[in-house]
Amino acid sequence: MGRGVVQVEGNELFLQTHDIKLDDPERRVRPSGHRRALVHDHQDGLTINYNGDYPGGVKIKGTTICDTIRLQGMRNVFDTDSVAHIITALKRQIDALESRIETLERR
């Protein structure tokens, strides 16, 4: 292993803290501020990129598997924040529009 490398081995890594920060000053676009990568938040949730600390955002490469996806702010438009329910509602609207177009084209 090279200099500056820390290797941890085992079945479990237990950290009793609320913030995990990752920072490389050479990669920053903003010279100051927090770099909270993972936060055990006040609602007992796990937040990635707490408060948008990483201006480049969060990238997930490769296959991503999620049980449920929710979009905050969509409830006032679709009466739900579930992506699956939103897609279903949009599909119904598209089907209805296609049907109306067919009816209009027959005239």
Foldseek 3Di string as FASTA:
>chain_A
DDPPDDDDDDDDDDDDDFFDFDDDCVPDPDNDDTGGQWGCDPVSDIDGCPPVRHVVDDDDDDDDDDPWDFDPPCCVPQVGRTPVSVVVVVVVVVVVVVVVVVVVVVD
